[in-house]
């Protein structure tokens, strides 16, 4: 994944965090909030995988 796509995904996570707070304050249906939170968690897990892969790649290049 290119650096610009990773950055865009990070920005999307930030936007989802804001949206979750707005939805909670606006008393949105719990199911909707849960779905948004799940999407946010899935994106974060994907970003974590990318970060781990980059670290492994950096360490393998040192040997």
PDB file of N, CA and C in Angstrom:
ATOM      1  N   UNK A   1       0.848  -1.163   0.000  1.00  0.00           N
ATOM      2  CA  UNK A   1       0.000   0.000   0.000  1.00  0.00           C
ATOM      3  C   UNK A   1       0.893   1.225   0.000  1.00  0.00           C
ATOM      4  N   UNK A   2       0.579   2.183  -0.822  1.00  0.00           N
ATOM      5  CA  UNK A   2       1.415   3.371  -0.916  1.00  0.00           C
ATOM      6  C   UNK A   2       1.259   4.244   0.328  1.00  0.00           C
ATOM      7  N   UNK A   3       2.242   5.081   0.558  1.00  0.00           N
ATOM      8  CA  UNK A   3       2.233   5.950   1.733  1.00  0.00           C
ATOM      9  C   UNK A   3       1.031   6.881   1.730  1.00  0.00           C
ATOM     10  N   UNK A   4       0.628   7.345   0.555  1.00  0.00           N
ATOM     11  CA  UNK A   4      -0.522   8.251   0.498  1.00  0.00           C
ATOM     12  C   UNK A   4      -1.826   7.540   0.855  1.00  0.00           C
ATOM     13  N   UNK A   5      -1.944   6.266   0.463  1.00  0.00           N
ATOM     14  CA  UNK A   5      -3.132   5.503   0.824  1.00  0.00           C
ATOM     15  C   UNK A   5      -3.161   5.192   2.317  1.00  0.00           C
ATOM     16  N   UNK A   6      -2.007   4.913   2.894  1.00  0.00           N
ATOM     17  CA  UNK A   6      -1.927   4.672   4.333  1.00  0.00           C
ATOM     18  C   UNK A   6      -2.333   5.939   5.080  1.00  0.00           C
ATOM     19  N   UNK A   7      -1.829   7.061   4.649  1.00  0.00           N
ATOM     20  CA  UNK A   7      -2.171   8.332   5.293  1.00  0.00           C
ATOM     21  C   UNK A   7      -3.661   8.639   5.147  1.00  0.00           C
ATOM     22  N   UNK A   8      -4.218   8.379   3.994  1.00  0.00           N
ATOM     23  CA  UNK A   8      -5.652   8.596   3.788  1.00  0.00           C
ATOM     24  C   UNK A   8      -6.470   7.680   4.690  1.00  0.00           C
ATOM     25  N   UNK A   9      -6.011   6.460   4.890  1.00  0.00           N
ATOM     26  CA  UNK A   9      -6.706   5.518   5.768  1.00  0.00           C
ATOM     27  C   UNK A   9      -6.625   5.993   7.211  1.00  0.00           C
ATOM     28  N   UNK A  10      -5.477   6.520   7.611  1.00  0.00           N
ATOM     29  CA  UNK A  10      -5.342   7.074   8.967  1.00  0.00           C
ATOM     30  C   UNK A  10      -6.301   8.260   9.162  1.00  0.00           C
ATOM     31  N   UNK A  11      -6.403   9.107   8.158  1.00  0.00           N
ATOM     32  CA  UNK A  11      -7.329  10.245   8.231  1.00  0.00           C
ATOM     33  C   UNK A  11      -8.778   9.763   8.316  1.00  0.00           C
ATOM     34  N   UNK A  12      -9.092   8.710   7.582  1.00  0.00           N
ATOM     35  CA  UNK A  12     -10.433   8.137   7.642  1.00  0.00           C
ATOM     36  C   UNK A  12     -10.728   7.622   9.045  1.00  0.00           C
ATOM     37  N   UNK A  13      -9.752   6.999   9.686  1.00  0.00           N
ATOM     38  CA  UNK A  13      -9.931   6.541  11.065  1.00  0.00           C
ATOM     39  C   UNK A  13     -10.227   7.724  11.984  1.00  0.00           C
ATOM     40  N   UNK A  14      -9.509   8.815  11.808  1.00  0.00           N
ATOM     41  CA  UNK A  14      -9.766  10.014  12.612  1.00  0.00           C
ATOM     42  C   UNK A  14     -11.178  10.535  12.372  1.00  0.00           C
ATOM     43  N   UNK A  15     -11.588  10.542  11.112  1.00  0.00           N
ATOM     44  CA  UNK A  15     -12.940  11.003  10.782  1.00  0.00           C
ATOM     45  C   UNK A  15     -13.996  10.089  11.402  1.00  0.00           C
ATOM     46  N   UNK A  16     -13.753   8.786  11.367  1.00  0.00           N
ATOM     47  CA  UNK A  16     -14.694   7.848  11.978  1.00  0.00           C
ATOM     48  C   UNK A  16     -14.767   8.051  13.491  1.00  0.00           C
ATOM     49  N   UNK A  17     -13.625   8.329  14.127  1.00  0.00           N
ATOM     50  CA  UNK A  17     -13.635   8.610  15.563  1.00  0.00           C
ATOM     51  C   UNK A  17     -14.545   9.800  15.869  1.00  0.00           C
ATOM     52  N   UNK A  18     -14.419  10.849  15.070  1.00  0.00           N
ATOM     53  CA  UNK A  18     -15.261  12.036  15.261  1.00  0.00           C
ATOM     54  C   UNK A  18     -16.728  11.700  15.020  1.00  0.00           C
ATOM     55  N   UNK A  19     -16.980  10.938  13.984  1.00  0.00           N
ATOM     56  CA  UNK A  19     -18.350  10.571  13.647  1.00  0.00           C
ATOM     57  C   UNK A  19     -18.984   9.718  14.748  1.00  0.00           C
ATOM     58  N   UNK A  20     -18.189   8.829  15.335  1.00  0.00           N
ATOM     59  CA  UNK A  20     -18.675   7.990  16.430  1.00  0.00           C
ATOM     60  C   UNK A  20     -19.104   8.868  17.603  1.00  0.00           C
ATOM     61  N   UNK A  21     -18.283   9.842  17.942  1.00  0.00           N
ATOM     62  CA  UNK A  21     -18.633  10.729  19.050  1.00  0.00           C
ATOM     63  C   UNK A  21     -19.900  11.528  18.758  1.00  0.00           C
ATOM     64  N   UNK A  22     -20.021  12.023  17.545  1.00  0.00           N
ATOM     65  CA  UNK A  22     -21.217  12.774  17.158  1.00  0.00           C
ATOM     66  C   UNK A  22     -22.449  11.870  17.216  1.00  0.00           C
ATOM     67  N   UNK A  23     -22.298  10.645  16.733  1.00  0.00           N
ATOM     68  CA  UNK A  23     -23.421   9.702  16.737  1.00  0.00           C
ATOM     69  C   UNK A  23     -23.857   9.379  18.161  1.00  0.00           C
ATOM     70  N   UNK A  24     -22.884   9.218  19.060  1.00  0.00           N
ATOM     71  CA  UNK A  24     -23.216   8.922  20.453  1.00  0.00           C
ATOM     72  C   UNK A  24     -23.909  10.114  21.111  1.00  0.00           C
ATOM     73  N   UNK A  25     -23.406  11.312  20.860  1.00  0.00           N
ATOM     74  CA  UNK A  25     -24.009  12.509  21.449  1.00  0.00           C
ATOM     75  C   UNK A  25     -25.406  12.764  20.897  1.00  0.00           C
ATOM     76  N   UNK A  26     -25.595  12.405  19.637  1.00  0.00           N
ATOM     77  CA  UNK A  26     -26.894  12.593  19.000  1.00  0.00           C
ATOM     78  C   UNK A  26     -27.847  11.448  19.262  1.00  0.00           C
ATOM     79  N   UNK A  27     -27.414  10.527  20.112  1.00  0.00           N
ATOM     80  CA  UNK A  27     -28.240   9.380  20.476  1.00  0.00           C
ATOM     81  C   UNK A  27     -28.685   8.568  19.251  1.00  0.00           C
ATOM     82  N   UNK A  28     -27.715   8.315  18.389  1.00  0.00           N
ATOM     83  CA  UNK A  28     -27.981   7.477  17.214  1.00  0.00           C
ATOM     84  C   UNK A  28     -28.296   6.059  17.682  1.00  0.00           C
ATOM     85  N   UNK A  29     -28.969   5.292  16.865  1.00  0.00           N
ATOM     86  CA  UNK A  29     -29.250   3.902  17.240  1.00  0.00           C
ATOM     87  C   UNK A  29     -27.950   3.154  17.545  1.00  0.00           C
ATOM     88  N   UNK A  30     -27.986   2.357  18.595  1.00  0.00           N
ATOM     89  CA  UNK A  30     -26.799   1.633  19.043  1.00  0.00           C
ATOM     90  C   UNK A  30     -26.230   0.745  17.938  1.00  0.00           C
ATOM     91  N   UNK A  31     -27.083   0.150  17.161  1.00  0.00           N
ATOM     92  CA  UNK A  31     -26.626  -0.718  16.067  1.00  0.00           C
ATOM     93  C   UNK A  31     -25.774   0.076  15.076  1.00  0.00           C
ATOM     94  N   UNK A  32     -26.190   1.288  14.765  1.00  0.00           N
ATOM     95  CA  UNK A  32     -25.431   2.121  13.827  1.00  0.00           C
ATOM     96  C   UNK A  32     -24.070   2.479  14.419  1.00  0.00           C
ATOM     97  N   UNK A  33     -24.051   2.847  15.695  1.00  0.00           N
ATOM     98  CA  UNK A  33     -22.792   3.193  16.350  1.00  0.00           C
ATOM     99  C   UNK A  33     -21.866   1.974  16.364  1.00  0.00           C
ATOM    100  N   UNK A  34     -22.412   0.822  16.668  1.00  0.00           N
ATOM    101  CA  UNK A  34     -21.602  -0.405  16.700  1.00  0.00           C
ATOM    102  C   UNK A  34     -21.001  -0.726  15.332  1.00  0.00           C
ATOM    103  N   UNK A  35     -21.769  -0.528  14.289  1.00  0.00           N
ATOM    104  CA  UNK A  35     -21.262  -0.786  12.934  1.00  0.00           C
ATOM    105  C   UNK A  35     -20.120   0.162  12.580  1.00  0.00           C
ATOM    106  N   UNK A  36     -20.273   1.415  12.954  1.00  0.00           N
ATOM    107  CA  UNK A  36     -19.209   2.395  12.682  1.00  0.00           C
ATOM    108  C   UNK A  36     -17.965   2.048  13.499  1.00  0.00           C
ATOM    109  N   UNK A  37     -18.164   1.686  14.768  1.00  0.00           N
ATOM    110  CA  UNK A  37     -17.030   1.309  15.608  1.00  0.00           C
ATOM    111  C   UNK A  37     -16.322   0.076  15.049  1.00  0.00           C
ATOM    112  N   UNK A  38     -17.079  -0.859  14.531  1.00  0.00           N
ATOM    113  CA  UNK A  38     -16.486  -2.067  13.946  1.00  0.00           C
ATOM    114  C   UNK A  38     -15.662  -1.728  12.701  1.00  0.00           C
ATOM    115  N   UNK A  39     -16.197  -0.863  11.862  1.00  0.00           N
ATOM    116  CA  UNK A  39     -15.455  -0.436  10.666  1.00  0.00           C
ATOM    117  C   UNK A  39     -14.157   0.251  11.070  1.00  0.00           C
ATOM    118  N   UNK A  40     -14.225   1.070  12.104  1.00  0.00           N
ATOM    119  CA  UNK A  40     -13.037   1.774  12.596  1.00  0.00           C
ATOM    120  C   UNK A  40     -12.002   0.776  13.111  1.00  0.00           C
ATOM    121  N   UNK A  41     -12.459  -0.213  13.878  1.00  0.00           N
ATOM    122  CA  UNK A  41     -11.551  -1.226  14.424  1.00  0.00           C
ATOM    123  C   UNK A  41     -10.919  -2.056  13.312  1.00  0.00           C
ATOM    124  N   UNK A  42     -11.695  -2.394  12.293  1.00  0.00           N
ATOM    125  CA  UNK A  42     -11.156  -3.160  11.161  1.00  0.00           C
ATOM    126  C   UNK A  42     -10.083  -2.367  10.418  1.00  0.00           C
ATOM    127  N   UNK A  43     -10.329  -1.085  10.220  1.00  0.00           N
ATOM    128  CA  UNK A  43      -9.327  -0.249   9.554  1.00  0.00           C
ATOM    129  C   UNK A  43      -8.058  -0.151  10.391  1.00  0.00           C
ATOM    130  N   UNK A  44      -8.225  -0.013  11.706  1.00  0.00           N
ATOM    131  CA  UNK A  44      -7.053   0.076  12.574  1.00  0.00           C
ATOM    132  C   UNK A  44      -6.266  -1.223  12.556  1.00  0.00           C
ATOM    133  N   UNK A  45      -6.940  -2.345  12.566  1.00  0.00           N
ATOM    134  CA  UNK A  45      -6.255  -3.640  12.495  1.00  0.00           C
ATOM    135  C   UNK A  45      -5.465  -3.756  11.194  1.00  0.00           C
ATOM    136  N   UNK A  46      -6.045  -3.281  10.106  1.00  0.00           N
ATOM    137  CA  UNK A  46      -5.364  -3.307   8.812  1.00  0.00           C
ATOM    138  C   UNK A  46      -4.116  -2.419   8.842  1.00  0.00           C
ATOM    139  N   UNK A  47      -4.249  -1.231   9.428  1.00  0.00           N
ATOM    140  CA  UNK A  47      -3.095  -0.335   9.536  1.00  0.00           C
ATOM    141  C   UNK A  47      -2.017  -0.944  10.421  1.00  0.00           C
ATOM    142  N   UNK A  48      -2.418  -1.625  11.493  1.00  0.00           N
ATOM    143  CA  UNK A  48      -1.444  -2.281  12.367  1.00  0.00           C
ATOM    144  C   UNK A  48      -0.682  -3.368  11.617  1.00  0.00           C
ATOM    145  N   UNK A  49      -1.380  -4.124  10.775  1.00  0.00           N
ATOM    146  CA  UNK A  49      -0.721  -5.152   9.970  1.00  0.00           C
ATOM    147  C   UNK A  49       0.301  -4.530   9.021  1.00  0.00           C
ATOM    148  N   UNK A  50      -0.065  -3.430   8.409  1.00  0.00           N
ATOM    149  CA  UNK A  50       0.852  -2.746   7.494  1.00  0.00           C
ATOM    150  C   UNK A  50       2.081  -2.258   8.251  1.00  0.00           C
ATOM    151  N   UNK A  51       1.870  -1.666   9.431  1.00  0.00           N
ATOM    152  CA  UNK A  51       2.990  -1.178  10.238  1.00  0.00           C
ATOM    153  C   UNK A  51       3.921  -2.322  10.633  1.00  0.00           C
ATOM    154  N   UNK A  52       3.348  -3.451  11.040  1.00  0.00           N
ATOM    155  CA  UNK A  52       4.167  -4.594  11.435  1.00  0.00           C
ATOM    156  C   UNK A  52       4.966  -5.132  10.254  1.00  0.00           C
ATOM    157  N   UNK A  53       4.347  -5.166   9.097  1.00  0.00           N
ATOM    158  CA  UNK A  53       5.045  -5.638   7.899  1.00  0.00           C
ATOM    159  C   UNK A  53       6.209  -4.718   7.555  1.00  0.00           C
ATOM    160  N   UNK A  54       6.012  -3.421   7.727  1.00  0.00           N
ATOM    161  CA  UNK A  54       7.092  -2.467   7.441  1.00  0.00           C
ATOM    162  C   UNK A  54       8.240  -2.635   8.425  1.00  0.00           C
ATOM    163  N   UNK A  55       7.926  -2.882   9.688  1.00  0.00           N
ATOM    164  CA  UNK A  55       8.967  -3.094  10.694  1.00  0.00           C
ATOM    165  C   UNK A  55       9.760  -4.360  10.379  1.00  0.00           C
ATOM    166  N   UNK A  56       9.041  -5.442  10.043  1.00  0.00           N
ATOM    167  CA  UNK A  56       9.723  -6.695   9.685  1.00  0.00           C
ATOM    168  C   UNK A  56      10.622  -6.500   8.479  1.00  0.00           C
ATOM    169  N   UNK A  57      10.130  -5.765   7.498  1.00  0.00           N
ATOM    170  CA  UNK A  57      10.923  -5.520   6.296  1.00  0.00           C
ATOM    171  C   UNK A  57      12.174  -4.714   6.629  1.00  0.00           C
ATOM    172  N   UNK A  58      12.025  -3.723   7.510  1.00  0.00           N
ATOM    173  CA  UNK A  58      13.190  -2.907   7.905  1.00  0.00           C
ATOM    174  C   UNK A  58      14.216  -3.747   8.647  1.00  0.00           C
ATOM    175  N   UNK A  59      13.760  -4.614   9.561  1.00  0.00           N
ATOM    176  CA  UNK A  59      14.666  -5.455  10.306  1.00  0.00           C
ATOM    177  C   UNK A  59      15.352  -6.487   9.410  1.00  0.00           C
ATOM    178  N   UNK A  60      14.637  -7.004   8.433  1.00  0.00           N
ATOM    179  CA  UNK A  60      15.235  -7.998   7.541  1.00  0.00           C
ATOM    180  C   UNK A  60      16.299  -7.368   6.656  1.00  0.00           C
ATOM    181  N   UNK A  61      16.167  -6.102   6.371  1.00  0.00           N
ATOM    182  CA  UNK A  61      17.165  -5.401   5.558  1.00  0.00           C
ATOM    183  C   UNK A  61      18.438  -5.106   6.312  1.00  0.00           C
ATOM    184  N   UNK A  62      18.409  -5.212   7.641  1.00  0.00           N
ATOM    185  CA  UNK A  62      19.599  -4.939   8.457  1.00  0.00           C
ATOM    186  C   UNK A  62      20.550  -6.130   8.515  1.00  0.00           C
ATOM    187  N   UNK A  63      20.025  -7.318   8.239  1.00  0.00           N
ATOM    188  CA  UNK A  63      20.820  -8.540   8.399  1.00  0.00           C
ATOM    189  C   UNK A  63      21.674  -8.776   7.259  1.00  0.00           C
TER     190      UNK A  63
END
